[in-house]
């Protein structure tokens, strides 16, 4: 059989993206088909560089092409990415270069939300995404310490307005009220002032081109959460909890708050899921078992994964070097990378569903 581009496309129609539940050709993810005698090369453009099924999709493409063209001497499938964007006029006006905005939230403090936000941001950046991180916890900013930055952001003139340049470390663009106040100085502001600071982090900072802008939210369901949801339509929110019931009660409230302000919940992450004793390898469910998964099932939200307790995670935060950067090959880092990939997949699913809904509405009208 003669090898043709049409034949290759027909073979690739049998390869589905398991997250998006459509074939790669329909999703317009196939590009740059090259045929050189009996050598075939194809480029697959994923919706995120952090695709959790990248290897499976690549293998399926090779197998499908070889099935139809067994005479091919080599089949090379290269994987690239173009991150899908949350299309929204309000978001695009405020943050024109930012494709997706994600809030990392919790119903209560002490569940490790900032630690999770920092490590997810670094994991996504190491996967190849352009990532920004806003410390929206105005009263308790911890990003400067966890990201190992003590400098002040620079200011420059942009036409008729002054803009701040975000600081950078570990491939992440960063902004926090902690960069703007003196060390150990408390932020004694009423709610509207704190909310105003978050608004300025959106409008007065030169974020540039980003695939994901992550917000490390304050705990609870107060002014800042409402301001953010009402100021800029979020792509979605992630709820961080621990397995214990007292944390799950507050996590439910946080999740329902996002539902009320029409922010999709991209998933639930269970932090401090369990502890593995380094001397015996025994597993201990210190704060209970399975609470995050049960909550996700109860509220029909994706369960993105559980992060076990490990002193190195805490040490990484204290010394300003996140564990996914410091020891990327550790079991705990691999778990966080897996959660970051699951989150990226949920963003892609959300964007595709929103796009299809918009097309259906246009066609109906």
Protein backbone atom coordinates (compact mmCIF):
# COMPACT_ATOMS: atom_id res chain seq x y z
CA UNK A 1 0.00 0.00 0.00
CA UNK A 2 1.28 3.43 -0.92
CA UNK A 3 2.01 5.62 2.09
CA UNK A 4 -0.04 8.84 1.90
CA UNK A 5 -0.88 11.67 4.28
CA UNK A 6 -4.55 10.79 3.95
CA UNK A 7 -3.82 7.20 4.92
CA UNK A 8 -1.81 8.32 7.94
CA UNK A 9 -4.64 10.61 9.05
CA UNK A 10 -7.11 7.73 8.71
CA UNK A 11 -4.87 5.59 10.92
CA UNK A 12 -4.66 8.37 13.50
CA UNK A 13 -8.44 8.71 13.60
CA UNK A 14 -8.38 5.49 15.62
CA UNK A 15 -6.25 7.12 18.33
CA UNK A 16 -8.28 8.83 21.02
CA UNK A 17 -7.21 11.36 23.62
CA UNK A 18 -8.50 9.47 26.70
CA UNK A 19 -9.12 12.70 28.64
CA UNK A 20 -10.96 14.57 25.88
CA UNK A 21 -12.75 11.44 24.54
CA UNK A 22 -12.19 12.28 20.90
CA UNK A 23 -9.73 11.18 18.27
CA UNK A 24 -6.61 13.23 17.59
CA UNK A 25 -7.65 14.17 14.05
CA UNK A 26 -11.02 15.54 15.15
CA UNK A 27 -9.24 17.46 17.93
CA UNK A 28 -6.87 18.93 15.29
CA UNK A 29 -3.85 17.69 17.22
CA UNK A 30 -2.00 16.27 14.19
CA UNK A 31 0.53 18.39 12.32
CA UNK A 32 3.62 18.21 10.15
CA UNK A 33 3.15 14.80 8.53
CA UNK A 34 6.32 13.93 6.61
CA UNK A 35 6.83 10.98 4.28
CA UNK A 36 10.34 10.16 3.05
CA UNK A 37 10.18 6.92 1.08
CA UNK A 38 9.17 4.37 3.70
CA UNK A 39 9.95 6.66 6.64
CA UNK A 40 7.06 8.42 8.39
CA UNK A 41 7.18 11.27 10.89
CA UNK A 42 4.23 12.97 12.58
CA UNK A 43 3.89 15.74 15.16
CA UNK A 44 1.17 15.54 17.83
CA UNK A 45 0.26 18.86 19.43
CA UNK A 46 -1.09 18.27 22.94
CA UNK A 47 -3.23 20.74 24.89
CA UNK A 48 -0.62 20.89 27.67
CA UNK A 49 3.04 19.90 28.06
CA UNK A 50 1.99 18.29 31.35
CA UNK A 51 -0.33 15.80 29.67
CA UNK A 52 -0.52 12.73 31.96
CA UNK A 53 -1.14 10.41 28.98
CA UNK A 54 1.60 11.72 26.70
CA UNK A 55 3.49 8.43 26.49
CA UNK A 56 0.34 6.37 25.87
CA UNK A 57 -0.84 8.70 23.09
CA UNK A 58 2.58 8.56 21.44
CA UNK A 59 2.67 4.75 21.62
CA UNK A 60 -0.88 4.45 20.27
CA UNK A 61 -0.01 6.70 17.31
CA UNK A 62 3.02 4.61 16.38
CA UNK A 63 1.09 1.34 16.69
CA UNK A 64 -1.85 2.60 14.63
CA UNK A 65 0.35 3.85 11.80
CA UNK A 66 2.41 0.64 11.79
CA UNK A 67 -0.79 -1.39 11.68
CA UNK A 68 -1.89 0.28 8.43
CA UNK A 69 1.61 0.62 6.95
CA UNK A 70 3.68 -2.40 8.05
CA UNK A 71 6.13 -1.66 5.23
CA UNK A 72 7.21 1.59 6.95
CA UNK A 73 10.86 1.31 8.00
CA UNK A 74 10.51 3.89 10.78
CA UNK A 75 7.56 5.70 12.37
CA UNK A 76 8.56 8.74 14.41
CA UNK A 77 5.95 10.55 16.49
CA UNK A 78 7.14 13.72 18.19
CA UNK A 79 5.11 15.37 20.93
CA UNK A 80 4.73 19.13 21.30
CA UNK A 81 2.10 21.25 22.99
CA UNK A 82 -0.01 24.36 22.73
CA UNK A 83 -1.84 24.99 25.98
CA UNK A 84 -5.58 25.43 25.56
CA UNK A 85 -7.00 28.74 26.73
CA UNK A 86 -9.98 29.71 28.84
CA UNK A 87 -11.68 32.08 26.42
CA UNK A 88 -13.37 34.90 28.30
CA UNK A 89 -13.63 38.56 27.28
CA UNK A 90 -13.27 39.90 30.83
CA UNK A 91 -10.22 37.76 31.57
CA UNK A 92 -8.65 38.60 28.23
CA UNK A 93 -9.10 42.34 28.87
CA UNK A 94 -7.46 42.20 32.32
CA UNK A 95 -4.81 39.56 31.62
CA UNK A 96 -4.46 39.46 27.82
CA UNK A 97 -1.44 37.15 27.77
CA UNK A 98 -2.66 34.66 30.40
CA UNK A 99 -4.41 31.55 29.09
CA UNK A 100 -5.68 30.04 32.34
CA UNK A 101 -6.27 31.25 35.90
CA UNK A 102 -6.40 28.69 38.71
CA UNK A 103 -7.23 29.29 42.39
CA UNK A 104 -5.67 26.92 44.95
CA UNK A 105 -7.99 27.21 47.94
CA UNK A 106 -8.91 25.58 51.23
CA UNK A 107 -11.78 25.87 53.65
CA UNK A 108 -9.45 26.27 56.63
CA UNK A 109 -5.83 27.05 57.39
CA UNK A 110 -3.12 24.55 58.24
CA UNK A 111 -3.78 22.05 55.45
CA UNK A 112 -0.63 22.93 53.46
CA UNK A 113 -2.37 24.87 50.71
CA UNK A 114 0.59 27.19 50.01
CA UNK A 115 2.99 24.25 49.93
CA UNK A 116 0.74 22.51 47.42
CA UNK A 117 0.39 25.68 45.30
CA UNK A 118 4.15 26.26 45.16
CA UNK A 119 5.01 22.69 44.25
CA UNK A 120 2.25 22.46 41.62
CA UNK A 121 3.49 25.67 40.01
CA UNK A 122 7.09 24.46 39.89
CA UNK A 123 6.02 21.02 38.61
CA UNK A 124 4.02 22.56 35.75
CA UNK A 125 6.95 24.83 34.87
CA UNK A 126 9.37 21.90 34.83
CA UNK A 127 6.99 20.08 32.50
CA UNK A 128 7.43 22.95 30.05
CA UNK A 129 4.55 25.32 30.83
CA UNK A 130 4.82 29.08 31.35
CA UNK A 131 3.62 29.63 34.91
CA UNK A 132 2.90 32.56 37.21
CA UNK A 133 2.06 32.45 40.92
CA UNK A 134 0.19 35.13 42.89
CA UNK A 135 0.30 35.05 46.68
CA UNK A 136 -3.29 36.16 47.32
CA UNK A 137 -3.02 35.36 51.02
CA UNK A 138 -2.55 39.03 51.91
CA UNK A 139 -2.55 38.56 55.69
CA UNK A 140 -0.22 35.59 55.75
CA UNK A 141 2.05 35.72 52.69
CA UNK A 142 4.36 32.70 52.60
CA UNK A 143 5.41 32.57 48.94
CA UNK A 144 8.55 34.74 49.43
CA UNK A 145 9.93 32.25 51.97
CA UNK A 146 8.85 29.12 50.11
CA UNK A 147 10.27 30.38 46.80
CA UNK A 148 13.48 31.73 48.34
CA UNK A 149 13.10 35.36 47.25
CA UNK A 150 13.88 38.50 49.28
CA UNK A 151 14.14 41.13 46.53
CA UNK A 152 11.66 43.87 45.72
CA UNK A 153 9.89 43.98 42.33
CA UNK A 154 11.02 46.67 39.87
CA UNK A 155 8.62 49.27 38.52
CA UNK A 156 8.60 50.64 34.97
CA UNK A 157 6.54 53.04 32.89
CA UNK A 158 4.09 51.39 30.47
CA UNK A 159 2.51 54.15 28.36
CA UNK A 160 0.51 56.18 30.89
CA UNK A 161 0.65 53.71 33.77
CA UNK A 162 3.26 52.27 36.10
CA UNK A 163 3.74 48.51 36.02
CA UNK A 164 5.54 46.12 38.36
CA UNK A 165 7.73 43.37 36.98
CA UNK A 166 7.08 40.06 38.73
CA UNK A 167 10.06 38.43 40.40
CA UNK A 168 11.20 35.05 39.09
CA UNK A 169 12.61 31.85 40.53
CA UNK A 170 12.51 28.18 39.48
CA UNK A 171 11.01 29.30 36.16
CA UNK A 172 7.99 30.89 37.88
CA UNK A 173 6.86 34.53 37.72
CA UNK A 174 5.88 35.61 41.23
CA UNK A 175 4.04 38.39 43.04
CA UNK A 176 3.27 38.68 46.75
CA UNK A 177 2.46 41.42 49.23
CA UNK A 178 5.43 39.97 51.10
CA UNK A 179 7.72 41.47 48.44
CA UNK A 180 6.34 44.94 49.14
CA UNK A 181 6.38 45.18 52.95
CA UNK A 182 9.15 44.98 55.52
CA UNK A 183 10.01 41.62 57.03
CA UNK A 184 7.81 40.69 60.01
CA UNK A 185 5.53 43.70 59.38
CA UNK A 186 1.87 42.70 59.85
CA UNK A 187 -0.67 43.61 57.19
CA UNK A 188 -3.36 45.34 59.26
CA UNK A 189 -5.92 46.04 56.56
CA UNK A 190 -9.68 45.83 56.34
CA UNK A 191 -11.17 43.53 53.74
CA UNK A 192 -11.58 46.08 50.92
CA UNK A 193 -7.89 47.06 51.14
CA UNK A 194 -6.77 43.44 50.93
CA UNK A 195 -9.11 42.84 48.00
CA UNK A 196 -7.75 45.95 46.31
CA UNK A 197 -4.21 44.60 46.59
CA UNK A 198 -5.24 41.42 44.78
CA UNK A 199 -6.84 43.50 42.03
CA UNK A 200 -3.57 45.41 41.64
CA UNK A 201 -1.68 42.13 41.28
CA UNK A 202 -3.87 41.52 38.24
CA UNK A 203 -3.90 44.94 36.57
CA UNK A 204 -0.59 46.52 37.65
CA UNK A 205 1.81 43.63 37.10
CA UNK A 206 3.36 42.85 33.71
CA UNK A 207 2.67 39.11 33.59
CA UNK A 208 3.36 38.68 29.88
CA UNK A 209 2.54 35.36 28.23
CA UNK A 210 1.53 32.61 30.66
CA UNK A 211 -0.12 29.22 30.25
CA UNK A 212 -1.22 29.06 33.88
CA UNK A 213 -1.52 31.82 36.49
CA UNK A 214 -1.99 30.19 39.89
CA UNK A 215 -3.47 32.00 42.90
CA UNK A 216 -2.48 30.85 46.37
CA UNK A 217 -5.70 31.86 48.12
CA UNK A 218 -6.20 32.72 51.79
CA UNK A 219 -8.12 30.08 53.76
CA UNK A 220 -11.87 30.41 54.09
CA UNK A 221 -14.59 32.01 52.00
CA UNK A 222 -14.13 35.75 52.53
CA UNK A 223 -13.59 39.03 50.69
CA UNK A 224 -10.54 38.03 48.67
CA UNK A 225 -12.13 34.88 47.28
CA UNK A 226 -15.25 36.79 46.25
CA UNK A 227 -13.23 39.68 44.79
CA UNK A 228 -11.14 37.35 42.67
CA UNK A 229 -14.14 35.37 41.42
CA UNK A 230 -16.03 38.56 40.55
CA UNK A 231 -13.09 40.50 39.08
CA UNK A 232 -11.68 37.88 36.76
CA UNK A 233 -13.53 34.76 35.62
CA UNK A 234 -11.36 31.90 36.82
CA UNK A 235 -10.68 28.85 34.68
CA UNK A 236 -11.29 26.87 37.85
CA UNK A 237 -10.44 26.22 41.47
CA UNK A 238 -8.69 23.42 43.32
CA UNK A 239 -9.64 22.56 46.91
CA UNK A 240 -6.88 21.34 49.25
CA UNK A 241 -7.91 19.33 52.29
CA UNK A 242 -6.56 16.75 54.72
CA UNK A 243 -8.27 13.41 55.45
CA UNK A 244 -9.64 14.45 58.86
CA UNK A 245 -13.33 15.30 59.13
CA UNK A 246 -12.81 18.79 60.59
CA UNK A 247 -10.88 19.73 57.44
CA UNK A 248 -13.43 18.06 55.15
CA UNK A 249 -16.28 20.07 56.68
CA UNK A 250 -14.58 23.33 55.74
CA UNK A 251 -13.49 21.98 52.35
CA UNK A 252 -17.15 21.33 51.51
CA UNK A 253 -17.94 24.96 52.32
CA UNK A 254 -15.10 26.19 50.11
CA UNK A 255 -16.20 24.02 47.22
CA UNK A 256 -19.82 25.14 47.49
CA UNK A 257 -18.71 28.78 47.63
CA UNK A 258 -17.00 28.40 44.24
CA UNK A 259 -20.11 26.74 42.84
CA UNK A 260 -22.24 29.70 43.97
CA UNK A 261 -20.01 32.19 42.14
CA UNK A 262 -19.95 29.97 39.02
CA UNK A 263 -16.30 28.94 39.27
CA UNK A 264 -15.73 25.34 38.10
CA UNK A 265 -13.97 23.10 40.62
CA UNK A 266 -11.13 21.37 38.78
CA UNK A 267 -10.51 18.89 41.55
CA UNK A 268 -9.65 18.04 45.13
CA UNK A 269 -6.17 17.37 46.50
CA UNK A 270 -5.70 15.55 49.78
CA UNK A 271 -2.56 16.72 51.58
CA UNK A 272 -0.93 14.85 54.48
CA UNK A 273 -2.69 11.71 53.26
CA UNK A 274 -0.48 9.25 55.12
CA UNK A 275 3.02 8.73 56.51
CA UNK A 276 5.48 6.00 55.53
CA UNK A 277 7.99 5.22 58.28
CA UNK A 278 11.48 5.37 56.71
CA UNK A 279 12.84 2.61 58.98
CA UNK A 280 10.09 0.02 58.54
CA UNK A 281 8.20 1.13 55.43
CA UNK A 282 4.93 0.83 57.34
CA UNK A 283 2.13 3.17 56.32
CA UNK A 284 0.29 5.20 58.96
CA UNK A 285 -2.95 7.11 58.33
CA UNK A 286 -2.24 9.81 60.89
CA UNK A 287 -5.15 12.10 59.97
CA UNK A 288 -7.62 9.45 58.84
CA UNK A 289 -8.10 7.65 55.55
CA UNK A 290 -9.75 8.36 52.22
CA UNK A 291 -11.49 11.60 53.18
CA UNK A 292 -10.44 13.49 50.06
CA UNK A 293 -11.61 10.75 47.71
CA UNK A 294 -14.94 10.44 49.53
CA UNK A 295 -15.45 14.21 49.37
CA UNK A 296 -14.66 14.24 45.65
CA UNK A 297 -17.16 11.45 45.04
CA UNK A 298 -19.79 13.11 47.23
CA UNK A 299 -19.51 16.48 45.47
CA UNK A 300 -18.86 15.05 41.99
CA UNK A 301 -15.46 16.68 41.64
CA UNK A 302 -12.31 15.00 40.26
CA UNK A 303 -9.89 13.62 42.85
CA UNK A 304 -6.48 14.82 41.65
CA UNK A 305 -4.44 12.81 44.15
CA UNK A 306 -3.11 12.53 47.69
CA UNK A 307 0.24 13.83 48.93
CA UNK A 308 1.84 11.89 51.82
CA UNK A 309 3.55 13.51 54.80
CA UNK A 310 7.31 13.86 54.41
CA UNK A 311 9.69 16.11 56.37
CA UNK A 312 11.49 17.00 53.11
CA UNK A 313 8.38 18.78 51.85
CA UNK A 314 8.38 20.98 54.95
CA UNK A 315 12.15 21.47 54.78
CA UNK A 316 11.90 22.50 51.13
CA UNK A 317 9.36 25.17 52.03
CA UNK A 318 11.45 26.48 54.92
CA UNK A 319 14.67 26.77 52.93
CA UNK A 320 13.00 28.13 49.80
CA UNK A 321 13.64 25.18 47.48
CA UNK A 322 10.44 23.24 46.67
CA UNK A 323 10.82 19.46 46.86
CA UNK A 324 9.84 18.96 43.20
CA UNK A 325 12.87 21.07 42.27
CA UNK A 326 15.26 19.89 44.98
CA UNK A 327 14.64 16.13 44.71
CA UNK A 328 12.59 15.64 41.51
CA UNK A 329 13.17 11.88 41.44
CA UNK A 330 11.82 11.22 44.94
CA UNK A 331 8.56 9.30 45.37
CA UNK A 332 6.87 12.36 46.88
CA UNK A 333 7.93 14.57 43.98
CA UNK A 334 6.62 12.03 41.48
CA UNK A 335 3.26 12.09 43.27
CA UNK A 336 3.11 15.89 43.02
CA UNK A 337 4.10 15.75 39.34
CA UNK A 338 1.26 13.29 38.76
CA UNK A 339 -1.21 15.63 40.49
CA UNK A 340 0.06 18.58 38.40
CA UNK A 341 -0.52 16.55 35.22
CA UNK A 342 -4.01 15.59 36.38
CA UNK A 343 -4.75 19.27 37.04
CA UNK A 344 -3.49 20.27 33.59
CA UNK A 345 -5.72 17.59 32.07
CA UNK A 346 -8.76 18.95 33.92
CA UNK A 347 -8.01 22.45 32.62
CA UNK A 348 -7.91 21.10 29.05
CA UNK A 349 -11.18 19.21 29.56
CA UNK A 350 -12.84 22.29 31.02
CA UNK A 351 -11.70 24.49 28.14
CA UNK A 352 -12.82 22.03 25.48
CA UNK A 353 -16.26 21.60 27.10
CA UNK A 354 -16.68 25.38 27.44
CA UNK A 355 -15.70 25.87 23.80
CA UNK A 356 -18.17 23.24 22.60
CA UNK A 357 -20.94 24.80 24.72
CA UNK A 358 -20.25 28.22 23.20
CA UNK A 359 -20.36 26.77 19.67
CA UNK A 360 -23.69 25.06 20.42
CA UNK A 361 -25.18 28.33 21.72
CA UNK A 362 -24.01 30.21 18.60
CA UNK A 363 -25.50 27.55 16.32
CA UNK A 364 -28.82 27.61 18.17
CA UNK A 365 -29.03 31.38 17.76
